[in-house]
């Protein structure tokens, strides 16, 4: 008689779904805050003391930053940062090869050229060694490298010490893509304002959410006024009338989003600490199984604001069972496993010459690398082994983590049923 659920057996983690709280989180305070904002009938932030201003101040303080600019979503947060830092036509910005597409598409949206660099397959984040080599290569080719975007993938902080040293050596800015990393810390300091600017998303799947939304944070006094001007169509927030000092667009967050996020921020620190604790617990348990290693532990990472819990699957430990089949079996056992973004970003159809011509100018395309020809071994290795669990599973506590471990152990012990 089969033991694995995919073959008709009882699901090992059948109770896991019941342990995971509903997402997005909703409580009486969020509902009251939203209703009050609706009834106040000031749904746009263009008044002194707005909810958006309050959220900007509180979130910036939470993330060890002086300033915040709340925006419509995480994608335009990146665009705002690049515009503020002066990325223009033909400028190159180095980005990691494994990330959500907005990390790179935001560069092209402001007229720049994304240049992919490799990641460390044991951490899923940008490799300082690869970064240096990429900068040298682009400069040798006459490229106009302007800056670096690092991604704290799954909430795992980048080695910011090494990145800042490299950026300083070559005179480049550093933008932190923190869409996965609300509350993550590097050496006791929250990510986002360690570099020049940090960008966050509040899309529905993120650890902090208002359905959509984003924010840019910074400690640089010389950038904040420019960022605020760009984000408000070239107008100074709080000044009446239609005086526009620069040509720009509208990046503003609504008051309704801010009303939700102010309450979400109040509850988030407790969730953050809890998920960090359970993440460490789960990582320690998985490390003992073999073939399902967590990302490499680093004592300099003092807090993980999870988006994904990442597992590095080794099929050799499972009798060469393909990763796709392992994930199917894990889902059947009741564990909501997936593959992250599934491929290095340069393999996306959007980066073929044929598709690029449809979205950016021919002249800019001619300056770009042939993305179809790129092969970065760290990114390829990581994507071939990556299995992800959504951050919400960590809210199921140690009982939930134990069910995940038990499901994986069951698959390993009975893998012959799948061969």
Protein backbone atom coordinates (compact mmCIF):
# COMPACT_ATOMS: atom_id res chain seq x y z
CA UNK A 1 0.00 0.00 0.00
CA UNK A 2 1.37 3.44 -0.99
CA UNK A 3 2.46 5.79 1.79
CA UNK A 4 3.00 8.98 -0.21
CA UNK A 5 -0.04 11.23 -0.62
CA UNK A 6 0.65 11.67 -4.34
CA UNK A 7 0.11 7.93 -4.65
CA UNK A 8 -3.01 7.84 -2.50
CA UNK A 9 -1.56 7.86 1.01
CA UNK A 10 -2.54 10.16 3.87
CA UNK A 11 -1.08 13.70 3.56
CA UNK A 12 1.59 14.16 6.23
CA UNK A 13 1.04 17.91 6.51
CA UNK A 14 -2.70 17.92 5.97
CA UNK A 15 -3.19 20.12 9.03
CA UNK A 16 -0.67 22.76 7.94
CA UNK A 17 -3.23 24.84 6.07
CA UNK A 18 -5.28 25.20 9.24
CA UNK A 19 -2.25 26.50 11.16
CA UNK A 20 -1.42 29.26 8.65
CA UNK A 21 -3.34 32.48 9.44
CA UNK A 22 -5.45 34.03 6.64
CA UNK A 23 -3.52 36.39 4.39
CA UNK A 24 -3.48 39.37 4.14
CA UNK A 25 -3.86 39.97 7.87
CA UNK A 26 -6.98 41.82 8.90
CA UNK A 27 -8.07 43.05 12.32
CA UNK A 28 -10.41 45.62 13.85
CA UNK A 29 -7.71 48.32 13.91
CA UNK A 30 -7.05 48.00 10.17
CA UNK A 31 -10.77 48.09 9.43
CA UNK A 32 -11.33 51.13 11.69
CA UNK A 33 -8.37 52.99 10.21
CA UNK A 34 -9.59 52.39 6.66
CA UNK A 35 -13.17 53.37 7.46
CA UNK A 36 -11.99 56.57 9.15
CA UNK A 37 -9.88 57.47 6.10
CA UNK A 38 -12.86 56.85 3.84
CA UNK A 39 -15.17 58.94 6.00
CA UNK A 40 -12.64 61.79 6.21
CA UNK A 41 -12.98 62.10 2.40
CA UNK A 42 -9.36 63.06 1.93
CA UNK A 43 -8.20 60.15 -0.18
CA UNK A 44 -5.30 61.95 -1.89
CA UNK A 45 -2.24 62.89 0.15
CA UNK A 46 -2.09 66.50 -1.01
CA UNK A 47 -2.68 68.15 2.37
CA UNK A 48 -0.38 68.87 5.35
CA UNK A 49 -0.08 66.09 7.92
CA UNK A 50 -1.46 63.43 5.58
CA UNK A 51 -1.58 59.73 6.43
CA UNK A 52 1.07 59.18 3.79
CA UNK A 53 3.39 61.62 5.57
CA UNK A 54 2.82 59.83 8.85
CA UNK A 55 3.53 56.46 7.29
CA UNK A 56 6.68 57.78 5.59
CA UNK A 57 8.03 59.01 8.91
CA UNK A 58 7.16 55.85 10.85
CA UNK A 59 8.41 53.38 8.26
CA UNK A 60 11.65 55.31 7.73
CA UNK A 61 12.26 55.31 11.48
CA UNK A 62 11.50 51.57 11.67
CA UNK A 63 14.08 50.95 8.93
CA UNK A 64 16.81 53.16 10.42
CA UNK A 65 16.40 55.86 7.78
CA UNK A 66 15.89 59.63 7.91
CA UNK A 67 13.45 59.92 5.04
CA UNK A 68 10.74 58.02 3.17
CA UNK A 69 8.70 58.70 0.04
CA UNK A 70 5.55 56.58 -0.23
CA UNK A 71 4.66 55.49 -3.77
CA UNK A 72 2.07 53.51 -5.73
CA UNK A 73 3.99 50.22 -5.91
CA UNK A 74 7.42 48.64 -5.60
CA UNK A 75 8.19 48.89 -9.32
CA UNK A 76 7.82 52.67 -9.45
CA UNK A 77 9.78 52.86 -6.20
CA UNK A 78 12.77 51.56 -8.17
CA UNK A 79 12.09 53.94 -11.05
CA UNK A 80 11.93 56.86 -8.63
CA UNK A 81 15.24 55.86 -7.06
CA UNK A 82 16.95 55.56 -10.44
CA UNK A 83 15.62 58.94 -11.60
CA UNK A 84 16.68 60.58 -8.35
CA UNK A 85 20.18 59.13 -8.71
CA UNK A 86 20.45 60.45 -12.26
CA UNK A 87 20.17 57.31 -14.38
CA UNK A 88 19.62 58.46 -17.94
CA UNK A 89 19.71 57.26 -21.51
CA UNK A 90 22.35 54.58 -22.04
CA UNK A 91 23.54 54.47 -18.43
CA UNK A 92 24.21 50.96 -17.14
CA UNK A 93 22.97 49.60 -13.83
CA UNK A 94 24.23 46.23 -12.63
CA UNK A 95 21.53 43.91 -11.30
CA UNK A 96 21.58 40.31 -10.01
CA UNK A 97 20.49 37.60 -12.41
CA UNK A 98 17.93 36.12 -10.01
CA UNK A 99 15.17 38.52 -9.02
CA UNK A 100 11.72 39.74 -10.01
CA UNK A 101 11.69 41.39 -13.44
CA UNK A 102 10.98 44.88 -12.05
CA UNK A 103 14.55 45.08 -10.72
CA UNK A 104 15.72 45.19 -14.34
CA UNK A 105 12.70 46.64 -16.15
CA UNK A 106 12.77 49.72 -13.91
CA UNK A 107 16.20 50.44 -15.39
CA UNK A 108 14.92 50.34 -18.96
CA UNK A 109 11.88 52.43 -17.99
CA UNK A 110 14.21 55.35 -17.21
CA UNK A 111 16.29 54.80 -20.35
CA UNK A 112 19.06 52.75 -18.80
CA UNK A 113 20.57 49.36 -19.58
CA UNK A 114 20.41 46.50 -17.04
CA UNK A 115 23.62 44.47 -16.82
CA UNK A 116 23.28 41.08 -15.20
CA UNK A 117 25.82 39.76 -12.74
CA UNK A 118 25.98 36.40 -11.01
CA UNK A 119 24.76 35.35 -7.59
CA UNK A 120 26.14 33.01 -4.95
CA UNK A 121 24.04 29.83 -5.26
CA UNK A 122 24.35 29.19 -1.52
CA UNK A 123 22.79 32.55 -0.59
CA UNK A 124 20.72 33.56 -3.67
CA UNK A 125 22.13 37.09 -3.53
CA UNK A 126 24.65 39.02 -5.60
CA UNK A 127 28.21 37.71 -5.51
CA UNK A 128 30.77 40.44 -4.69
CA UNK A 129 33.39 38.57 -6.74
CA UNK A 130 31.09 38.41 -9.78
CA UNK A 131 30.08 42.04 -9.27
CA UNK A 132 33.67 43.25 -9.43
CA UNK A 133 34.35 41.16 -12.53
CA UNK A 134 31.21 42.51 -14.24
CA UNK A 135 32.14 46.12 -13.50
CA UNK A 136 35.65 45.58 -14.90
CA UNK A 137 34.28 43.88 -18.01
CA UNK A 138 31.77 46.65 -18.75
CA UNK A 139 34.34 49.37 -18.22
CA UNK A 140 36.77 47.58 -20.54
CA UNK A 141 34.00 47.57 -23.17
CA UNK A 142 33.40 51.28 -22.72
CA UNK A 143 30.12 50.85 -20.85
CA UNK A 144 28.73 53.71 -18.77
CA UNK A 145 28.27 51.91 -15.46
CA UNK A 146 26.35 54.24 -13.18
CA UNK A 147 25.29 52.09 -10.25
CA UNK A 148 24.50 48.78 -8.62
CA UNK A 149 21.17 47.34 -7.55
CA UNK A 150 21.34 44.63 -4.92
CA UNK A 151 18.37 42.41 -4.07
CA UNK A 152 17.87 40.98 -0.59
CA UNK A 153 16.36 37.85 -2.12
CA UNK A 154 13.71 36.13 -0.04
CA UNK A 155 14.64 38.53 2.76
CA UNK A 156 18.28 37.30 2.90
CA UNK A 157 20.50 40.39 3.23
CA UNK A 158 23.33 40.95 0.77
CA UNK A 159 26.91 41.28 2.05
CA UNK A 160 26.58 45.05 2.26
CA UNK A 161 30.12 45.54 3.60
CA UNK A 162 31.66 44.13 0.43
CA UNK A 163 29.13 45.82 -1.88
CA UNK A 164 29.72 49.28 -0.41
CA UNK A 165 33.49 48.83 -0.63
CA UNK A 166 33.21 47.96 -4.33
CA UNK A 167 30.78 50.81 -5.01
CA UNK A 168 33.11 53.30 -3.34
CA UNK A 169 36.11 52.00 -5.29
CA UNK A 170 34.38 52.54 -8.64
CA UNK A 171 32.29 55.60 -7.73
CA UNK A 172 28.91 53.90 -8.14
CA UNK A 173 25.60 54.33 -6.34
CA UNK A 174 23.90 51.43 -4.53
CA UNK A 175 20.14 50.89 -4.64
CA UNK A 176 18.75 48.20 -2.34
CA UNK A 177 15.76 46.31 -3.72
CA UNK A 178 14.05 45.38 -0.45
CA UNK A 179 10.76 44.10 -1.87
CA UNK A 180 11.38 40.81 -0.02
CA UNK A 181 13.12 42.23 3.02
CA UNK A 182 10.84 44.20 5.34
CA UNK A 183 12.70 44.28 8.65
CA UNK A 184 15.77 42.34 7.52
CA UNK A 185 18.98 43.38 9.27
CA UNK A 186 22.66 43.34 8.35
CA UNK A 187 24.91 43.58 11.43
CA UNK A 188 22.02 44.92 13.51
CA UNK A 189 21.06 47.61 11.02
CA UNK A 190 17.92 47.34 8.93
CA UNK A 191 18.42 47.15 5.19
CA UNK A 192 17.26 49.87 2.81
CA UNK A 193 19.24 52.93 3.87
CA UNK A 194 22.61 51.20 4.12
CA UNK A 195 23.13 52.02 0.45
CA UNK A 196 22.08 55.28 -1.21
CA UNK A 197 18.38 54.43 -1.52
CA UNK A 198 16.18 51.45 -0.67
CA UNK A 199 12.94 50.39 -2.35
CA UNK A 200 10.11 48.36 -0.81
CA UNK A 201 6.91 46.81 -2.11
CA UNK A 202 3.60 46.41 -0.29
CA UNK A 203 1.98 44.16 -2.89
CA UNK A 204 -0.47 41.61 -1.50
CA UNK A 205 1.98 38.71 -1.20
CA UNK A 206 4.60 40.74 0.69
CA UNK A 207 5.24 40.57 4.44
CA UNK A 208 3.73 44.06 4.80
CA UNK A 209 0.86 44.77 2.45
CA UNK A 210 -1.90 47.15 1.48
CA UNK A 211 -2.69 45.23 -1.71
CA UNK A 212 -0.28 47.49 -3.59
CA UNK A 213 2.07 50.29 -2.61
CA UNK A 214 5.74 50.98 -2.09
CA UNK A 215 8.24 53.29 -0.45
CA UNK A 216 11.71 54.65 -1.10
CA UNK A 217 13.92 55.37 1.91
CA UNK A 218 17.25 57.15 2.24
CA UNK A 219 19.60 58.80 4.69
CA UNK A 220 20.97 61.21 2.08
CA UNK A 221 19.95 64.81 2.69
CA UNK A 222 20.96 65.72 -0.86
CA UNK A 223 18.48 63.30 -2.47
CA UNK A 224 15.23 63.62 -0.56
CA UNK A 225 13.92 66.92 -2.01
CA UNK A 226 14.59 65.73 -5.55
CA UNK A 227 12.85 62.41 -4.87
CA UNK A 228 9.78 64.16 -3.44
CA UNK A 229 9.63 66.53 -6.42
CA UNK A 230 9.85 63.70 -8.96
CA UNK A 231 7.21 61.64 -7.15
CA UNK A 232 4.66 64.49 -7.19
CA UNK A 233 4.67 65.45 -10.89
CA UNK A 234 7.27 68.13 -10.27
CA UNK A 235 5.18 69.91 -7.64
CA UNK A 236 6.20 70.65 -4.06
CA UNK A 237 3.94 68.70 -1.68
CA UNK A 238 1.96 71.12 0.48
CA UNK A 239 2.26 74.12 -1.86
CA UNK A 240 -1.09 75.06 -3.41
CA UNK A 241 -1.61 75.67 -7.10
CA UNK A 242 -0.21 74.17 -10.26
CA UNK A 243 3.45 75.16 -10.24
CA UNK A 244 5.60 72.36 -11.68
CA UNK A 245 9.36 72.72 -11.31
CA UNK A 246 10.37 69.67 -13.39
CA UNK A 247 8.74 67.34 -15.92
CA UNK A 248 7.80 64.15 -14.12
CA UNK A 249 5.03 61.67 -13.39
CA UNK A 250 2.71 60.78 -10.52
CA UNK A 251 4.14 58.16 -8.16
CA UNK A 252 1.95 58.96 -5.15
CA UNK A 253 0.48 56.46 -2.70
CA UNK A 254 -3.18 56.96 -1.76
CA UNK A 255 -4.37 57.84 1.73
CA UNK A 256 -6.34 54.58 1.83
CA UNK A 257 -3.19 52.52 1.36
CA UNK A 258 -1.44 54.56 4.03
CA UNK A 259 -4.34 54.04 6.45
CA UNK A 260 -3.90 50.28 6.13
CA UNK A 261 -0.10 50.36 6.29
CA UNK A 262 0.02 52.47 9.45
CA UNK A 263 -1.80 49.68 11.28
CA UNK A 264 0.11 46.90 9.52
CA UNK A 265 3.36 48.51 10.64
CA UNK A 266 2.16 48.46 14.24
CA UNK A 267 1.70 44.68 14.20
CA UNK A 268 4.67 43.86 11.98
CA UNK A 269 7.61 43.86 14.45
CA UNK A 270 6.06 40.99 16.40
CA UNK A 271 5.43 39.02 13.19
CA UNK A 272 8.99 39.74 12.07
CA UNK A 273 10.57 38.37 15.24
CA UNK A 274 8.30 35.32 15.22
CA UNK A 275 9.04 34.44 11.58
CA UNK A 276 12.78 34.91 12.15
CA UNK A 277 12.65 32.50 15.10
CA UNK A 278 10.64 29.87 13.22
CA UNK A 279 12.81 30.31 10.13
CA UNK A 280 15.91 29.48 12.16
CA UNK A 281 14.13 26.51 13.73
CA UNK A 282 13.04 25.16 10.35
CA UNK A 283 16.51 25.70 8.86
CA UNK A 284 18.14 23.73 11.67
CA UNK A 285 15.72 20.82 11.19
CA UNK A 286 16.09 20.71 7.40
CA UNK A 287 19.89 20.77 7.61
CA UNK A 288 19.79 17.35 9.30
CA UNK A 289 17.78 15.62 6.56
CA UNK A 290 20.22 15.91 3.67
CA UNK A 291 19.42 17.24 0.20
CA UNK A 292 17.15 20.05 1.38
CA UNK A 293 19.57 22.65 2.70
CA UNK A 294 18.45 26.17 3.65
CA UNK A 295 20.39 29.20 2.46
CA UNK A 296 23.81 29.43 4.07
CA UNK A 297 23.59 30.80 7.60
CA UNK A 298 25.55 34.00 8.21
CA UNK A 299 25.96 35.45 11.73
CA UNK A 300 26.10 38.95 10.23
CA UNK A 301 22.41 38.54 9.33
CA UNK A 302 20.78 39.54 12.59
CA UNK A 303 17.15 39.48 11.37
CA UNK A 304 15.36 37.90 8.39
CA UNK A 305 12.22 39.54 7.09
CA UNK A 306 11.12 36.55 5.05
CA UNK A 307 9.33 36.63 1.70
CA UNK A 308 10.44 33.15 0.72
CA UNK A 309 11.89 30.40 2.84
CA UNK A 310 14.33 28.97 0.31
CA UNK A 311 15.33 25.30 0.18
CA UNK A 312 18.21 24.10 -2.02
CA UNK A 313 17.13 20.70 -3.31
CA UNK A 314 19.77 18.11 -4.21
CA UNK A 315 18.23 15.27 -6.26
CA UNK A 316 21.21 12.98 -5.57
CA UNK A 317 20.02 12.71 -1.96
CA UNK A 318 16.59 11.61 -3.27
CA UNK A 319 17.71 8.89 -5.71
CA UNK A 320 17.87 11.47 -8.54
CA UNK A 321 14.20 12.37 -8.20
CA UNK A 322 13.64 15.47 -10.41
CA UNK A 323 12.91 18.68 -8.53
CA UNK A 324 9.55 19.11 -10.25
CA UNK A 325 8.43 15.69 -9.07
CA UNK A 326 9.68 16.40 -5.55
CA UNK A 327 7.60 19.59 -5.46
CA UNK A 328 4.51 17.74 -6.72
CA UNK A 329 4.94 15.17 -3.96
CA UNK A 330 5.49 17.88 -1.34
CA UNK A 331 2.34 19.73 -2.39
CA UNK A 332 0.38 16.50 -2.21
CA UNK A 333 1.57 16.11 1.38
CA UNK A 334 0.06 19.55 2.15
CA UNK A 335 3.12 21.80 1.88
CA UNK A 336 2.66 24.83 -0.48
CA UNK A 337 6.03 24.55 -2.24
CA UNK A 338 6.99 26.35 -5.44
CA UNK A 339 10.03 27.32 -7.54
CA UNK A 340 10.41 31.07 -6.94
CA UNK A 341 10.83 32.89 -10.25
CA UNK A 342 11.86 29.68 -11.98
CA UNK A 343 14.76 30.92 -14.10
CA UNK A 344 17.53 33.51 -14.27
CA UNK A 345 16.04 36.79 -15.40
CA UNK A 346 18.04 36.93 -18.64
CA UNK A 347 16.13 33.83 -19.82
CA UNK A 348 12.79 35.65 -19.73
CA UNK A 349 11.25 36.17 -23.21
CA UNK A 350 11.19 39.93 -22.54
CA UNK A 351 14.99 40.03 -22.91
CA UNK A 352 15.14 38.55 -26.40
CA UNK A 353 16.09 41.00 -29.15
CA UNK A 354 12.69 40.46 -30.77
CA UNK A 355 10.81 41.51 -27.64
CA UNK A 356 13.15 44.31 -26.57
CA UNK A 357 12.48 46.17 -29.83
CA UNK A 358 8.80 46.31 -28.85
CA UNK A 359 9.47 48.06 -25.54
CA UNK A 360 12.61 50.20 -25.90
CA UNK A 361 14.19 52.19 -28.71
CA UNK A 362 16.20 50.39 -31.38
CA UNK A 363 19.21 52.55 -30.57
CA UNK A 364 19.12 51.48 -26.92
CA UNK A 365 18.69 47.82 -27.85
CA UNK A 366 21.81 48.02 -30.00
CA UNK A 367 23.77 49.15 -26.94
CA UNK A 368 22.52 46.28 -24.81
CA UNK A 369 24.29 42.95 -24.36
CA UNK A 370 22.76 39.98 -26.17
CA UNK A 371 20.92 38.68 -23.14
CA UNK A 372 20.04 35.41 -24.91
CA UNK A 373 23.75 34.51 -24.94
CA UNK A 374 24.33 35.01 -21.21
CA UNK A 375 25.10 32.03 -18.99
CA UNK A 376 25.90 32.69 -15.32
CA UNK A 377 26.76 29.47 -13.48
CA UNK A 378 25.72 30.57 -10.00
CA UNK A 379 22.30 31.71 -11.19
CA UNK A 380 21.76 28.58 -13.28
CA UNK A 381 22.80 26.31 -10.40
CA UNK A 382 20.58 28.10 -7.89
CA UNK A 383 17.48 28.10 -10.11
CA UNK A 384 17.90 24.40 -10.85
CA UNK A 385 17.83 23.62 -7.11
CA UNK A 386 15.52 26.31 -5.70
CA UNK A 387 12.38 25.27 -3.85
CA UNK A 388 10.45 28.00 -2.06
CA UNK A 389 7.89 28.16 0.71
CA UNK A 390 5.82 31.34 1.16
CA UNK A 391 6.62 33.38 4.25
CA UNK A 392 3.13 32.78 5.63
CA UNK A 393 4.01 29.16 6.51
CA UNK A 394 6.37 30.47 9.19
CA UNK A 395 3.37 31.97 10.97
CA UNK A 396 2.23 28.39 11.59
CA UNK A 397 4.93 28.22 14.26
CA UNK A 398 7.01 25.23 15.29
CA UNK A 399 4.06 22.88 14.82
CA UNK A 400 3.83 23.96 11.20
CA UNK A 401 7.59 23.68 10.71
CA UNK A 402 7.53 20.17 12.15
CA UNK A 403 4.85 19.16 9.66
CA UNK A 404 6.97 20.47 6.77
CA UNK A 405 9.98 18.52 8.02
CA UNK A 406 7.91 15.37 8.50
CA UNK A 407 6.52 15.65 4.96
CA UNK A 408 10.00 15.93 3.46
CA UNK A 409 11.33 13.07 5.56
CA UNK A 410 8.39 10.93 4.43
CA UNK A 411 9.15 11.65 0.76
CA UNK A 412 12.80 10.78 1.25
CA UNK A 413 12.03 7.53 3.06
CA UNK A 414 9.52 6.46 0.41
CA UNK A 415 11.08 8.00 -2.70
CA UNK A 416 11.06 4.60 -4.43
CA UNK A 417 7.30 5.08 -4.92
CA UNK A 418 8.10 7.96 -7.29
CA UNK A 419 10.82 6.29 -9.35
